[in-house]
Amino acid sequence: DDAWAVELSEAVPAPAAWAEIPNA
């Protein structure tokens, strides 16, 4: 499109396994 795209979405929870990763 030769354009900048700005997308808005509803965020979904990250995988539970990421809870153990610092700063995830």
PDB file of all heavy atoms in Angstrom:
ATOM      1  N   ASP A   1       0.808  -1.224   0.000  1.00  0.00           N
ATOM      2  CA  ASP A   1       0.000   0.000   0.000  1.00  0.00           C
ATOM      3  C   ASP A   1       0.839   1.270   0.000  1.00  0.00           C
ATOM      4  O   ASP A   1       0.292   2.365  -0.086  1.00  0.00           O
ATOM      5  CB  ASP A   1      -0.913   0.014   1.235  1.00  0.00           C
ATOM      6  CG  ASP A   1      -1.850  -1.165   1.270  1.00  0.00           C
ATOM      7  OD1 ASP A   1      -2.520  -1.391   0.244  1.00  0.00           O
ATOM      8  OD2 ASP A   1      -1.886  -1.870   2.289  1.00  0.00           O
ATOM      9  N   ASP A   2       2.177   1.134   0.128  1.00  0.00           N
ATOM     10  CA  ASP A   2       3.047   2.302   0.285  1.00  0.00           C
ATOM     11  C   ASP A   2       2.488   3.228   1.361  1.00  0.00           C
ATOM     12  O   ASP A   2       2.286   4.425   1.150  1.00  0.00           O
ATOM     13  CB  ASP A   2       3.216   3.068  -1.026  1.00  0.00           C
ATOM     14  CG  ASP A   2       4.137   2.357  -1.997  1.00  0.00           C
ATOM     15  OD1 ASP A   2       5.087   1.703  -1.534  1.00  0.00           O
ATOM     16  OD2 ASP A   2       3.898   2.451  -3.214  1.00  0.00           O
ATOM     17  N   ALA A   3       2.205   2.650   2.515  1.00  0.00           N
ATOM     18  CA  ALA A   3       1.581   3.425   3.589  1.00  0.00           C
ATOM     19  C   ALA A   3       1.999   2.874   4.951  1.00  0.00           C
ATOM     20  O   ALA A   3       2.361   1.703   5.081  1.00  0.00           O
ATOM     21  CB  ALA A   3       0.064   3.351   3.463  1.00  0.00           C
ATOM     22  N   TRP A   4       1.930   3.735   5.929  1.00  0.00           N
ATOM     23  CA  TRP A   4       2.094   3.290   7.308  1.00  0.00           C
ATOM     24  C   TRP A   4       0.752   2.754   7.780  1.00  0.00           C
ATOM     25  O   TRP A   4      -0.292   3.338   7.493  1.00  0.00           O
ATOM     26  CB  TRP A   4       2.526   4.454   8.206  1.00  0.00           C
ATOM     27  CG  TRP A   4       3.969   4.763   8.017  1.00  0.00           C
ATOM     28  CD1 TRP A   4       4.510   5.733   7.235  1.00  0.00           C
ATOM     29  CD2 TRP A   4       5.063   4.062   8.608  1.00  0.00           C
ATOM     30  NE1 TRP A   4       5.869   5.683   7.297  1.00  0.00           N
ATOM     31  CE2 TRP A   4       6.242   4.672   8.130  1.00  0.00           C
ATOM     32  CE3 TRP A   4       5.167   2.980   9.475  1.00  0.00           C
ATOM     33  CZ2 TRP A   4       7.512   4.235   8.509  1.00  0.00           C
ATOM     34  CZ3 TRP A   4       6.421   2.546   9.852  1.00  0.00           C
ATOM     35  CH2 TRP A   4       7.578   3.179   9.373  1.00  0.00           C
ATOM     36  N   ALA A   5       0.783   1.651   8.486  1.00  0.00           N
ATOM     37  CA  ALA A   5      -0.438   1.068   9.043  1.00  0.00           C
ATOM     38  C   ALA A   5      -0.360   1.152  10.565  1.00  0.00           C
ATOM     39  O   ALA A   5       0.668   0.834  11.162  1.00  0.00           O
ATOM     40  CB  ALA A   5      -0.589  -0.385   8.606  1.00  0.00           C
ATOM     41  N   VAL A   6      -1.439   1.602  11.166  1.00  0.00           N
ATOM     42  CA  VAL A   6      -1.570   1.647  12.619  1.00  0.00           C
ATOM     43  C   VAL A   6      -2.732   0.731  12.960  1.00  0.00           C
ATOM     44  O   VAL A   6      -3.857   0.956  12.503  1.00  0.00           O
ATOM     45  CB  VAL A   6      -1.842   3.081  13.120  1.00  0.00           C
ATOM     46  CG1 VAL A   6      -1.935   3.100  14.634  1.00  0.00           C
ATOM     47  CG2 VAL A   6      -0.770   4.037  12.624  1.00  0.00           C
ATOM     48  N   GLU A   7      -2.456  -0.326  13.724  1.00  0.00           N
ATOM     49  CA  GLU A   7      -3.476  -1.333  14.035  1.00  0.00           C
ATOM     50  C   GLU A   7      -3.853  -1.282  15.507  1.00  0.00           C
ATOM     51  O   GLU A   7      -2.997  -1.173  16.370  1.00  0.00           O
ATOM     52  CB  GLU A   7      -2.957  -2.731  13.729  1.00  0.00           C
ATOM     53  CG  GLU A   7      -2.607  -2.955  12.289  1.00  0.00           C
ATOM     54  CD  GLU A   7      -2.128  -4.372  12.016  1.00  0.00           C
ATOM     55  OE1 GLU A   7      -1.984  -5.168  12.970  1.00  0.00           O
ATOM     56  OE2 GLU A   7      -1.895  -4.685  10.844  1.00  0.00           O
ATOM     57  N   LEU A   8      -5.148  -1.390  15.782  1.00  0.00           N
ATOM     58  CA  LEU A   8      -5.658  -1.466  17.146  1.00  0.00           C
ATOM     59  C   LEU A   8      -6.299  -2.833  17.326  1.00  0.00           C
ATOM     60  O   LEU A   8      -7.105  -3.266  16.501  1.00  0.00           O
ATOM     61  CB  LEU A   8      -6.693  -0.369  17.408  1.00  0.00           C
ATOM     62  CG  LEU A   8      -7.369  -0.385  18.778  1.00  0.00           C
ATOM     63  CD1 LEU A   8      -6.355  -0.153  19.899  1.00  0.00           C
ATOM     64  CD2 LEU A   8      -8.468   0.656  18.825  1.00  0.00           C
ATOM     65  N   SER A   9      -5.920  -3.518  18.400  1.00  0.00           N
ATOM     66  CA  SER A   9      -6.503  -4.830  18.685  1.00  0.00           C
ATOM     67  C   SER A   9      -6.729  -4.966  20.183  1.00  0.00           C
ATOM     68  O   SER A   9      -6.132  -4.247  20.980  1.00  0.00           O
ATOM     69  CB  SER A   9      -5.586  -5.961  18.204  1.00  0.00           C
ATOM     70  OG  SER A   9      -4.378  -5.975  18.947  1.00  0.00           O
ATOM     71  N   GLU A  10      -7.612  -5.879  20.528  1.00  0.00           N
ATOM     72  CA  GLU A  10      -7.758  -6.219  21.938  1.00  0.00           C
ATOM     73  C   GLU A  10      -6.642  -7.206  22.256  1.00  0.00           C
ATOM     74  O   GLU A  10      -6.449  -8.183  21.539  1.00  0.00           O
ATOM     75  CB  GLU A  10      -9.123  -6.829  22.219  1.00  0.00           C
ATOM     76  CG  GLU A  10      -9.358  -7.001  23.702  1.00  0.00           C
ATOM     77  CD  GLU A  10     -10.815  -7.224  24.048  1.00  0.00           C
ATOM     78  OE1 GLU A  10     -11.648  -7.350  23.151  1.00  0.00           O
ATOM     79  OE2 GLU A  10     -11.095  -7.274  25.243  1.00  0.00           O
ATOM     80  N   ALA A  11      -5.877  -6.922  23.300  1.00  0.00           N
ATOM     81  CA  ALA A  11      -4.757  -7.783  23.655  1.00  0.00           C
ATOM     82  C   ALA A  11      -5.270  -9.057  24.327  1.00  0.00           C
ATOM     83  O   ALA A  11      -6.286  -9.041  25.025  1.00  0.00           O
ATOM     84  CB  ALA A  11      -3.795  -7.044  24.576  1.00  0.00           C
ATOM     85  N   VAL A  12      -4.548 -10.142  24.083  1.00  0.00           N
ATOM     86  CA  VAL A  12      -4.903 -11.437  24.667  1.00  0.00           C
ATOM     87  C   VAL A  12      -3.830 -11.820  25.690  1.00  0.00           C
ATOM     88  O   VAL A  12      -2.681 -11.401  25.576  1.00  0.00           O
ATOM     89  CB  VAL A  12      -5.027 -12.521  23.572  1.00  0.00           C
ATOM     90  CG1 VAL A  12      -6.172 -12.190  22.624  1.00  0.00           C
ATOM     91  CG2 VAL A  12      -3.739 -12.673  22.791  1.00  0.00           C
ATOM     92  N   PRO A  13      -4.191 -12.612  26.692  1.00  0.00           N
ATOM     93  CA  PRO A  13      -3.196 -13.010  27.693  1.00  0.00           C
ATOM     94  C   PRO A  13      -2.041 -13.794  27.065  1.00  0.00           C
ATOM     95  O   PRO A  13      -2.239 -14.600  26.153  1.00  0.00           O
ATOM     96  CB  PRO A  13      -3.985 -13.893  28.662  1.00  0.00           C
ATOM     97  CG  PRO A  13      -5.412 -13.475  28.475  1.00  0.00           C
ATOM     98  CD  PRO A  13      -5.528 -13.100  27.026  1.00  0.00           C
ATOM     99  N   ALA A  14      -0.847 -13.531  27.555  1.00  0.00           N
ATOM    100  CA  ALA A  14       0.339 -14.269  27.110  1.00  0.00           C
ATOM    101  C   ALA A  14       0.254 -15.702  27.649  1.00  0.00           C
ATOM    102  O   ALA A  14      -0.474 -15.970  28.617  1.00  0.00           O
ATOM    103  CB  ALA A  14       1.598 -13.579  27.623  1.00  0.00           C
ATOM    104  N   PRO A  15       0.986 -16.622  27.049  1.00  0.00           N
ATOM    105  CA  PRO A  15       0.975 -17.999  27.546  1.00  0.00           C
ATOM    106  C   PRO A  15       1.369 -18.068  29.027  1.00  0.00           C
ATOM    107  O   PRO A  15       2.245 -17.317  29.483  1.00  0.00           O
ATOM    108  CB  PRO A  15       2.026 -18.700  26.674  1.00  0.00           C
ATOM    109  CG  PRO A  15       2.124 -17.863  25.439  1.00  0.00           C
ATOM    110  CD  PRO A  15       1.838 -16.459  25.875  1.00  0.00           C
ATOM    111  N   ALA A  16       0.729 -18.947  29.760  1.00  0.00           N
ATOM    112  CA  ALA A  16       0.988 -19.084  31.201  1.00  0.00           C
ATOM    113  C   ALA A  16       2.458 -19.383  31.478  1.00  0.00           C
ATOM    114  O   ALA A  16       3.001 -18.957  32.504  1.00  0.00           O
ATOM    115  CB  ALA A  16       0.098 -20.169  31.788  1.00  0.00           C
ATOM    116  N   ALA A  17       3.120 -20.088  30.588  1.00  0.00           N
ATOM    117  CA  ALA A  17       4.532 -20.438  30.785  1.00  0.00           C
ATOM    118  C   ALA A  17       5.420 -19.194  30.847  1.00  0.00           C
ATOM    119  O   ALA A  17       6.513 -19.234  31.416  1.00  0.00           O
ATOM    120  CB  ALA A  17       5.001 -21.365  29.673  1.00  0.00           C
ATOM    121  N   TRP A  18       4.962 -18.089  30.268  1.00  0.00           N
ATOM    122  CA  TRP A  18       5.757 -16.869  30.290  1.00  0.00           C
ATOM    123  C   TRP A  18       5.804 -16.229  31.667  1.00  0.00           C
ATOM    124  O   TRP A  18       6.635 -15.358  31.918  1.00  0.00           O
ATOM    125  CB  TRP A  18       5.194 -15.861  29.302  1.00  0.00           C
ATOM    126  CG  TRP A  18       5.410 -16.196  27.868  1.00  0.00           C
ATOM    127  CD1 TRP A  18       5.709 -17.417  27.329  1.00  0.00           C
ATOM    128  CD2 TRP A  18       5.327 -15.302  26.774  1.00  0.00           C
ATOM    129  NE1 TRP A  18       5.799 -17.335  25.975  1.00  0.00           N
ATOM    130  CE2 TRP A  18       5.569 -16.039  25.596  1.00  0.00           C
ATOM    131  CE3 TRP A  18       5.048 -13.948  26.657  1.00  0.00           C
ATOM    132  CZ2 TRP A  18       5.568 -15.462  24.337  1.00  0.00           C
ATOM    133  CZ3 TRP A  18       5.035 -13.373  25.399  1.00  0.00           C
ATOM    134  CH2 TRP A  18       5.301 -14.123  24.251  1.00  0.00           C
ATOM    135  N   ALA A  19       4.918 -16.619  32.571  1.00  0.00           N
ATOM    136  CA  ALA A  19       4.862 -16.014  33.906  1.00  0.00           C
ATOM    137  C   ALA A  19       6.178 -16.181  34.654  1.00  0.00           C
ATOM    138  O   ALA A  19       6.512 -15.363  35.513  1.00  0.00           O
ATOM    139  CB  ALA A  19       3.716 -16.614  34.709  1.00  0.00           C
ATOM    140  N   GLU A  20       6.941 -17.211  34.325  1.00  0.00           N
ATOM    141  CA  GLU A  20       8.212 -17.467  34.997  1.00  0.00           C
ATOM    142  C   GLU A  20       9.366 -16.684  34.387  1.00  0.00           C
ATOM    143  O   GLU A  20      10.463 -16.662  34.957  1.00  0.00           O
ATOM    144  CB  GLU A  20       8.521 -18.964  34.929  1.00  0.00           C
ATOM    145  CG  GLU A  20       7.464 -19.822  35.610  1.00  0.00           C
ATOM    146  CD  GLU A  20       7.681 -21.306  35.381  1.00  0.00           C
ATOM    147  OE1 GLU A  20       8.772 -21.692  34.932  1.00  0.00           O
ATOM    148  OE2 GLU A  20       6.748 -22.071  35.666  1.00  0.00           O
ATOM    149  N   ILE A  21       9.156 -16.040  33.270  1.00  0.00           N
ATOM    150  CA  ILE A  21      10.211 -15.291  32.587  1.00  0.00           C
ATOM    151  C   ILE A  21      10.219 -13.855  33.114  1.00  0.00           C
ATOM    152  O   ILE A  21       9.202 -13.163  33.048  1.00  0.00           O
ATOM    153  CB  ILE A  21       9.982 -15.281  31.062  1.00  0.00           C
ATOM    154  CG1 ILE A  21       9.932 -16.703  30.524  1.00  0.00           C
ATOM    155  CG2 ILE A  21      11.060 -14.461  30.361  1.00  0.00           C
ATOM    156  CD1 ILE A  21       9.497 -16.796  29.076  1.00  0.00           C
ATOM    157  N   PRO A  22      11.360 -13.395  33.629  1.00  0.00           N
ATOM    158  CA  PRO A  22      11.424 -12.017  34.135  1.00  0.00           C
ATOM    159  C   PRO A  22      11.135 -11.006  33.023  1.00  0.00           C
ATOM    160  O   PRO A  22      11.594 -11.154  31.899  1.00  0.00           O
ATOM    161  CB  PRO A  22      12.870 -11.871  34.621  1.00  0.00           C
ATOM    162  CG  PRO A  22      13.372 -13.269  34.789  1.00  0.00           C
ATOM    163  CD  PRO A  22      12.617 -14.118  33.804  1.00  0.00           C
ATOM    164  N   ASN A  23      10.360  -9.990  33.344  1.00  0.00           N
ATOM    165  CA  ASN A  23      10.007  -8.892  32.434  1.00  0.00           C
ATOM    166  C   ASN A  23       9.239  -9.338  31.192  1.00  0.00           C
ATOM    167  O   ASN A  23       9.198  -8.611  30.201  1.00  0.00           O
ATOM    168  CB  ASN A  23      11.257  -8.115  32.015  1.00  0.00           C
ATOM    169  CG  ASN A  23      11.982  -7.523  33.199  1.00  0.00           C
ATOM    170  OD1 ASN A  23      11.361  -7.045  34.146  1.00  0.00           O
ATOM    171  ND2 ASN A  23      13.299  -7.576  33.170  1.00  0.00           N
ATOM    172  N   ALA A  24       8.662 -10.509  31.208  1.00  0.00           N
ATOM    173  CA  ALA A  24       7.879 -10.978  30.058  1.00  0.00           C
ATOM    174  C   ALA A  24       6.558 -10.216  29.986  1.00  0.00           C
ATOM    175  O   ALA A  24       5.996  -9.804  31.002  1.00  0.00           O
ATOM    176  CB  ALA A  24       7.609 -12.473  30.177  1.00  0.00           C
TER     177      ALA A  24
END
